[in-house]
Amino acid sequence: MVAYAGHLIYYRRIFMDVPADEYERIEREIASDESPVGIDAKKTHIIILHKLMEIEKRLAALEEKVT
């Protein structure tokens, strides 16, 4: 678990500019003591898919404005 957490911190610093408080909120939201990797994969995927759908809607609205 410690190695996994270290990897997440490295990934966050290199690839994502997420404020620490937001990162910690998301981390608490997806955490799972029952999972061998420490996160609830189903919940994590639902959050990701929901955010992607929001982005898709915003992109469609922007595309509509420019056409």
C-alpha atoms as a PDB file:
ATOM      1  CA  MET A   1       0.000   0.000   0.000  1.00  0.00           C
ATOM      2  CA  VAL A   2       2.850   2.412   0.796  1.00  0.00           C
ATOM      3  CA  ALA A   3       4.436   1.843  -2.619  1.00  0.00           C
ATOM      4  CA  TYR A   4       1.063   2.421  -4.266  1.00  0.00           C
ATOM      5  CA  ALA A   5       0.556   5.674  -2.347  1.00  0.00           C
ATOM      6  CA  GLY A   6       4.055   6.776  -3.313  1.00  0.00           C
ATOM      7  CA  HIS A   7       3.261   6.084  -6.953  1.00  0.00           C
ATOM      8  CA  LEU A   8       0.076   8.164  -6.729  1.00  0.00           C
ATOM      9  CA  ILE A   9       1.974  11.085  -5.222  1.00  0.00           C
ATOM     10  CA  TYR A  10       4.597  10.863  -7.984  1.00  0.00           C
ATOM     11  CA  TYR A  11       1.913  10.673 -10.681  1.00  0.00           C
ATOM     12  CA  ARG A  12       0.067  13.639  -9.196  1.00  0.00           C
ATOM     13  CA  ARG A  13       3.184  15.800  -9.108  1.00  0.00           C
ATOM     14  CA  ILE A  14       4.300  14.930 -12.638  1.00  0.00           C
ATOM     15  CA  PHE A  15       1.054  14.703 -14.599  1.00  0.00           C
ATOM     16  CA  MET A  16      -1.659  16.538 -12.684  1.00  0.00           C
ATOM     17  CA  ASP A  17      -1.847  19.951 -11.149  1.00  0.00           C
ATOM     18  CA  VAL A  18      -4.451  19.126  -8.508  1.00  0.00           C
ATOM     19  CA  PRO A  19      -4.542  21.279  -5.376  1.00  0.00           C
ATOM     20  CA  ALA A  20      -3.633  19.232  -2.306  1.00  0.00           C
ATOM     21  CA  ASP A  21      -7.014  19.687  -0.607  1.00  0.00           C
ATOM     22  CA  GLU A  22      -8.895  18.552  -3.739  1.00  0.00           C
ATOM     23  CA  TYR A  23      -6.523  15.604  -4.199  1.00  0.00           C
ATOM     24  CA  GLU A  24      -7.090  14.505  -0.612  1.00  0.00           C
ATOM     25  CA  ARG A  25     -10.876  14.863  -0.976  1.00  0.00           C
ATOM     26  CA  ILE A  26     -10.862  12.649  -4.065  1.00  0.00           C
ATOM     27  CA  GLU A  27      -8.516  10.176  -2.383  1.00  0.00           C
ATOM     28  CA  ARG A  28     -10.918   9.860   0.587  1.00  0.00           C
ATOM     29  CA  GLU A  29     -13.867   9.485  -1.788  1.00  0.00           C
ATOM     30  CA  ILE A  30     -12.408   6.517  -3.692  1.00  0.00           C
ATOM     31  CA  ALA A  31     -10.599   4.812  -0.797  1.00  0.00           C
ATOM     32  CA  SER A  32     -11.576   1.270   0.153  1.00  0.00           C
ATOM     33  CA  ASP A  33     -10.161  -0.830   2.992  1.00  0.00           C
ATOM     34  CA  GLU A  34     -11.691  -3.941   1.394  1.00  0.00           C
ATOM     35  CA  SER A  35      -9.731  -3.560  -1.848  1.00  0.00           C
ATOM     36  CA  PRO A  36      -6.213  -4.984  -2.182  1.00  0.00           C
ATOM     37  CA  VAL A  37      -5.126  -1.804  -4.006  1.00  0.00           C
ATOM     38  CA  GLY A  38      -6.814   0.550  -1.544  1.00  0.00           C
ATOM     39  CA  ILE A  39      -9.420   2.064  -3.867  1.00  0.00           C
ATOM     40  CA  ASP A  40     -12.942   1.199  -4.919  1.00  0.00           C
ATOM     41  CA  ALA A  41     -12.468   0.568  -8.646  1.00  0.00           C
ATOM     42  CA  LYS A  42     -16.165   0.704  -9.508  1.00  0.00           C
ATOM     43  CA  LYS A  43     -16.667   4.026  -7.740  1.00  0.00           C
ATOM     44  CA  THR A  44     -13.480   5.389  -9.310  1.00  0.00           C
ATOM     45  CA  HIS A  45     -14.623   4.459 -12.808  1.00  0.00           C
ATOM     46  CA  ILE A  46     -18.062   5.965 -12.221  1.00  0.00           C
ATOM     47  CA  ILE A  47     -16.469   9.253 -11.145  1.00  0.00           C
ATOM     48  CA  ILE A  48     -14.167   9.238 -14.189  1.00  0.00           C
ATOM     49  CA  LEU A  49     -16.990   8.428 -16.603  1.00  0.00           C
ATOM     50  CA  HIS A  50     -19.226  11.086 -15.062  1.00  0.00           C
ATOM     51  CA  LYS A  51     -16.498  13.715 -15.428  1.00  0.00           C
ATOM     52  CA  LEU A  52     -15.854  12.660 -19.034  1.00  0.00           C
ATOM     53  CA  MET A  53     -19.561  13.035 -19.817  1.00  0.00           C
ATOM     54  CA  GLU A  54     -19.507  16.533 -18.296  1.00  0.00           C
ATOM     55  CA  ILE A  55     -16.497  17.433 -20.436  1.00  0.00           C
ATOM     56  CA  GLU A  56     -18.197  16.030 -23.535  1.00  0.00           C
ATOM     57  CA  LYS A  57     -21.282  18.202 -22.904  1.00  0.00           C
ATOM     58  CA  ARG A  58     -19.155  21.306 -22.406  1.00  0.00           C
ATOM     59  CA  LEU A  59     -17.172  20.589 -25.569  1.00  0.00           C
ATOM     60  CA  ALA A  60     -20.368  20.122 -27.580  1.00  0.00           C
ATOM     61  CA  ALA A  61     -21.680  23.452 -26.292  1.00  0.00           C
ATOM     62  CA  LEU A  62     -18.423  25.189 -27.242  1.00  0.00           C
ATOM     63  CA  GLU A  63     -18.424  23.585 -30.694  1.00  0.00           C
ATOM     64  CA  GLU A  64     -21.986  24.757 -31.220  1.00  0.00           C
ATOM     65  CA  LYS A  65     -20.992  28.337 -30.367  1.00  0.00           C
ATOM     66  CA  VAL A  66     -18.170  28.429 -32.923  1.00  0.00           C
ATOM     67  CA  THR A  67     -20.129  26.899 -35.792  1.00  0.00           C
END
